[in-house]
N, C-alpha and C. Protein backbone atom coordinates (compact mmCIF):
# COMPACT_ATOMS: atom_id res chain seq x y z
N UNK A 1 -33.83 9.58 12.34
CA UNK A 1 -32.61 9.07 11.73
C UNK A 1 -32.93 8.53 10.33
N UNK A 2 -32.14 8.91 9.39
CA UNK A 2 -32.33 8.50 8.01
C UNK A 2 -31.52 7.23 7.75
N UNK A 3 -32.19 6.11 7.49
CA UNK A 3 -31.51 4.84 7.23
C UNK A 3 -31.54 4.47 5.76
N UNK A 4 -32.05 5.38 4.95
CA UNK A 4 -32.12 5.13 3.52
C UNK A 4 -30.71 5.06 2.92
N UNK A 5 -30.50 4.13 2.02
CA UNK A 5 -29.22 4.00 1.34
C UNK A 5 -28.99 5.24 0.49
N UNK A 6 -27.83 5.85 0.62
CA UNK A 6 -27.57 7.05 -0.18
C UNK A 6 -27.53 6.72 -1.66
N UNK A 7 -27.96 7.67 -2.46
CA UNK A 7 -27.92 7.46 -3.90
C UNK A 7 -26.63 8.04 -4.46
N UNK A 8 -26.18 7.41 -5.52
CA UNK A 8 -25.00 7.92 -6.21
C UNK A 8 -25.39 9.14 -7.02
N UNK A 9 -24.47 10.07 -7.06
CA UNK A 9 -24.59 11.16 -8.01
C UNK A 9 -23.88 10.69 -9.28
N UNK A 10 -24.21 11.28 -10.38
CA UNK A 10 -23.62 10.87 -11.65
C UNK A 10 -22.09 10.95 -11.60
N UNK A 11 -21.54 12.00 -11.02
CA UNK A 11 -20.09 12.14 -10.99
C UNK A 11 -19.46 11.10 -10.06
N UNK A 12 -20.21 10.58 -9.07
CA UNK A 12 -19.69 9.50 -8.23
C UNK A 12 -19.54 8.22 -9.05
N UNK A 13 -20.48 7.97 -9.92
CA UNK A 13 -20.41 6.80 -10.78
C UNK A 13 -19.21 6.89 -11.71
N UNK A 14 -19.00 8.07 -12.26
CA UNK A 14 -17.86 8.28 -13.15
C UNK A 14 -16.55 8.07 -12.38
N UNK A 15 -16.48 8.60 -11.16
CA UNK A 15 -15.26 8.45 -10.35
C UNK A 15 -15.01 6.97 -10.04
N UNK A 16 -16.06 6.23 -9.75
CA UNK A 16 -15.91 4.80 -9.47
C UNK A 16 -15.41 4.06 -10.71
N UNK A 17 -15.97 4.39 -11.86
CA UNK A 17 -15.52 3.77 -13.11
C UNK A 17 -14.06 4.11 -13.42
N UNK A 18 -13.66 5.34 -13.15
CA UNK A 18 -12.26 5.74 -13.37
C UNK A 18 -11.35 4.93 -12.45
N UNK A 19 -11.76 4.74 -11.20
CA UNK A 19 -10.96 3.94 -10.28
C UNK A 19 -10.79 2.51 -10.81
N UNK A 20 -11.87 1.93 -11.27
CA UNK A 20 -11.80 0.56 -11.79
C UNK A 20 -10.95 0.48 -13.05
N UNK A 21 -11.08 1.44 -13.94
CA UNK A 21 -10.28 1.45 -15.17
C UNK A 21 -8.80 1.63 -14.86
N UNK A 22 -8.49 2.48 -13.89
CA UNK A 22 -7.10 2.69 -13.49
C UNK A 22 -6.54 1.42 -12.88
N UNK A 23 -7.34 0.74 -12.07
CA UNK A 23 -6.90 -0.52 -11.47
C UNK A 23 -6.65 -1.57 -12.55
N UNK A 24 -7.50 -1.61 -13.55
CA UNK A 24 -7.34 -2.56 -14.65
C UNK A 24 -6.05 -2.27 -15.43
N UNK A 25 -5.80 -1.00 -15.70
CA UNK A 25 -4.56 -0.63 -16.41
C UNK A 25 -3.33 -0.99 -15.58
N UNK A 26 -3.42 -0.77 -14.28
CA UNK A 26 -2.30 -1.10 -13.39
C UNK A 26 -2.07 -2.60 -13.35
N UNK A 27 -3.13 -3.38 -13.26
CA UNK A 27 -3.00 -4.84 -13.26
C UNK A 27 -2.40 -5.32 -14.58
N UNK A 28 -2.84 -4.75 -15.67
CA UNK A 28 -2.30 -5.14 -16.98
C UNK A 28 -0.81 -4.85 -17.06
N UNK A 29 -0.40 -3.70 -16.55
CA UNK A 29 1.02 -3.34 -16.56
C UNK A 29 1.81 -4.32 -15.69
N UNK A 30 1.29 -4.65 -14.52
CA UNK A 30 1.97 -5.59 -13.63
C UNK A 30 2.09 -6.97 -14.27
N UNK A 31 1.02 -7.43 -14.89
CA UNK A 31 1.06 -8.75 -15.51
C UNK A 31 1.99 -8.77 -16.71
N UNK A 32 2.09 -7.67 -17.42
CA UNK A 32 3.05 -7.58 -18.52
C UNK A 32 4.47 -7.65 -17.98
N UNK A 33 4.72 -6.98 -16.87
CA UNK A 33 6.05 -7.07 -16.24
C UNK A 33 6.34 -8.48 -15.78
N UNK A 34 5.34 -9.15 -15.24
CA UNK A 34 5.53 -10.53 -14.78
C UNK A 34 5.87 -11.44 -15.95
N UNK A 35 5.29 -11.15 -17.10
CA UNK A 35 5.55 -11.97 -18.28
C UNK A 35 6.97 -11.79 -18.80
N UNK A 36 7.51 -10.60 -18.62
CA UNK A 36 8.83 -10.31 -19.18
C UNK A 36 9.94 -10.26 -18.14
N UNK A 37 9.58 -10.33 -16.86
CA UNK A 37 10.56 -10.19 -15.78
C UNK A 37 11.19 -11.53 -15.43
N UNK A 38 12.18 -11.48 -14.55
CA UNK A 38 12.82 -12.72 -14.12
C UNK A 38 11.90 -13.50 -13.19
N UNK A 39 12.22 -14.77 -12.97
CA UNK A 39 11.35 -15.65 -12.20
C UNK A 39 11.15 -15.21 -10.76
N UNK A 40 12.13 -14.58 -10.16
CA UNK A 40 12.03 -14.18 -8.75
C UNK A 40 10.94 -13.13 -8.55
N UNK A 41 10.76 -12.25 -9.50
CA UNK A 41 9.79 -11.17 -9.35
C UNK A 41 8.39 -11.54 -9.81
N UNK A 42 8.23 -12.63 -10.49
CA UNK A 42 6.93 -12.99 -11.07
C UNK A 42 5.87 -13.16 -9.99
N UNK A 43 6.16 -13.93 -8.97
CA UNK A 43 5.15 -14.17 -7.93
C UNK A 43 4.79 -12.89 -7.19
N UNK A 44 5.77 -12.06 -6.91
CA UNK A 44 5.52 -10.79 -6.24
C UNK A 44 4.64 -9.90 -7.10
N UNK A 45 4.93 -9.85 -8.38
CA UNK A 45 4.16 -9.01 -9.30
C UNK A 45 2.73 -9.53 -9.43
N UNK A 46 2.57 -10.83 -9.53
CA UNK A 46 1.22 -11.41 -9.61
C UNK A 46 0.45 -11.19 -8.32
N UNK A 47 1.13 -11.27 -7.19
CA UNK A 47 0.48 -11.04 -5.90
C UNK A 47 0.01 -9.59 -5.78
N UNK A 48 0.82 -8.67 -6.29
CA UNK A 48 0.41 -7.25 -6.25
C UNK A 48 -0.82 -7.03 -7.13
N UNK A 49 -0.85 -7.67 -8.29
CA UNK A 49 -2.01 -7.54 -9.18
C UNK A 49 -3.27 -8.08 -8.50
N UNK A 50 -3.15 -9.20 -7.81
CA UNK A 50 -4.29 -9.77 -7.09
C UNK A 50 -4.72 -8.87 -5.94
N UNK A 51 -3.77 -8.27 -5.26
CA UNK A 51 -4.09 -7.37 -4.14
C UNK A 51 -4.84 -6.13 -4.64
N UNK A 52 -4.51 -5.68 -5.83
CA UNK A 52 -5.21 -4.52 -6.40
C UNK A 52 -6.67 -4.87 -6.65
N UNK A 53 -6.90 -6.06 -7.17
CA UNK A 53 -8.28 -6.52 -7.36
C UNK A 53 -9.03 -6.51 -6.03
N UNK A 54 -8.40 -7.03 -5.00
CA UNK A 54 -9.02 -7.05 -3.67
C UNK A 54 -9.28 -5.63 -3.16
N UNK A 55 -8.36 -4.72 -3.43
CA UNK A 55 -8.53 -3.33 -3.00
C UNK A 55 -9.73 -2.69 -3.69
N UNK A 56 -9.94 -2.99 -4.95
CA UNK A 56 -11.09 -2.45 -5.68
C UNK A 56 -12.38 -2.95 -5.04
N UNK A 57 -12.45 -4.25 -4.76
CA UNK A 57 -13.66 -4.82 -4.17
C UNK A 57 -13.91 -4.30 -2.76
N UNK A 58 -12.85 -3.90 -2.06
CA UNK A 58 -12.98 -3.44 -0.67
C UNK A 58 -13.50 -2.01 -0.57
N UNK A 59 -13.43 -1.25 -1.65
CA UNK A 59 -13.86 0.16 -1.60
C UNK A 59 -15.39 0.22 -1.53
N UNK A 60 -15.87 1.01 -0.59
CA UNK A 60 -17.30 1.28 -0.48
C UNK A 60 -17.68 2.21 -1.63
N UNK A 61 -18.50 1.73 -2.52
CA UNK A 61 -18.87 2.51 -3.69
C UNK A 61 -19.60 3.80 -3.38
N UNK A 62 -20.08 3.96 -2.15
CA UNK A 62 -20.75 5.19 -1.75
C UNK A 62 -19.81 6.16 -1.04
N UNK A 63 -18.57 5.76 -0.84
CA UNK A 63 -17.59 6.59 -0.14
C UNK A 63 -16.68 7.26 -1.16
N UNK A 64 -17.05 8.46 -1.56
CA UNK A 64 -16.32 9.17 -2.62
C UNK A 64 -14.86 9.40 -2.23
N UNK A 65 -14.61 9.71 -0.96
CA UNK A 65 -13.23 9.95 -0.53
C UNK A 65 -12.38 8.69 -0.69
N UNK A 66 -12.95 7.53 -0.37
CA UNK A 66 -12.22 6.26 -0.52
C UNK A 66 -11.97 5.96 -1.99
N UNK A 67 -12.94 6.23 -2.83
CA UNK A 67 -12.79 6.02 -4.27
C UNK A 67 -11.66 6.90 -4.81
N UNK A 68 -11.69 8.17 -4.44
CA UNK A 68 -10.65 9.10 -4.90
C UNK A 68 -9.27 8.71 -4.38
N UNK A 69 -9.20 8.25 -3.14
CA UNK A 69 -7.92 7.85 -2.55
C UNK A 69 -7.34 6.64 -3.29
N UNK A 70 -8.18 5.66 -3.59
CA UNK A 70 -7.70 4.48 -4.31
C UNK A 70 -7.26 4.86 -5.72
N UNK A 71 -8.02 5.71 -6.38
CA UNK A 71 -7.65 6.14 -7.72
C UNK A 71 -6.29 6.83 -7.70
N UNK A 72 -6.09 7.67 -6.72
CA UNK A 72 -4.80 8.38 -6.59
C UNK A 72 -3.67 7.39 -6.37
N UNK A 73 -3.89 6.41 -5.50
CA UNK A 73 -2.86 5.40 -5.22
C UNK A 73 -2.55 4.57 -6.47
N UNK A 74 -3.61 4.13 -7.17
CA UNK A 74 -3.41 3.33 -8.38
C UNK A 74 -2.69 4.15 -9.46
N UNK A 75 -3.06 5.40 -9.61
CA UNK A 75 -2.44 6.26 -10.61
C UNK A 75 -0.96 6.47 -10.31
N UNK A 76 -0.64 6.67 -9.04
CA UNK A 76 0.76 6.87 -8.66
C UNK A 76 1.59 5.61 -8.93
N UNK A 77 1.03 4.46 -8.61
CA UNK A 77 1.76 3.19 -8.83
C UNK A 77 1.94 2.94 -10.33
N UNK A 78 0.91 3.23 -11.11
CA UNK A 78 1.00 3.06 -12.56
C UNK A 78 2.06 3.99 -13.13
N UNK A 79 2.14 5.21 -12.63
CA UNK A 79 3.17 6.14 -13.08
C UNK A 79 4.56 5.63 -12.74
N UNK A 80 4.71 5.04 -11.55
CA UNK A 80 6.01 4.45 -11.17
C UNK A 80 6.42 3.37 -12.15
N UNK A 81 5.49 2.50 -12.47
CA UNK A 81 5.80 1.37 -13.36
C UNK A 81 6.11 1.83 -14.77
N UNK A 82 5.35 2.79 -15.27
CA UNK A 82 5.59 3.22 -16.64
C UNK A 82 6.85 4.07 -16.74
N UNK A 83 7.21 4.76 -15.67
CA UNK A 83 8.47 5.52 -15.64
C UNK A 83 9.66 4.57 -15.60
N UNK A 84 9.54 3.50 -14.81
CA UNK A 84 10.62 2.53 -14.69
C UNK A 84 10.87 1.75 -15.97
N UNK A 85 9.83 1.56 -16.79
CA UNK A 85 9.97 0.71 -17.97
C UNK A 85 10.28 1.49 -19.24
N UNK A 86 10.30 2.80 -19.17
CA UNK A 86 10.56 3.57 -20.39
C UNK A 86 11.97 4.08 -20.43
């Protein structure tokens, strides 16, 4: 049985960085909405931004499928927000 920690491939590192950058862009968009939105939505928007941070930390950096799934989810949510605000 091989118990050695798997090594990242270069493209895995890039995918992980893309996931983090997408999460950062999504959080920035949410916080911008919280700054300009009504008081009722501010806490919900801030809570979503915090949950995204938690989701990034929860991803196993060696699980490429999980990284890709989170990136897809973050990208879709960012597209929703930017479509709604334009």
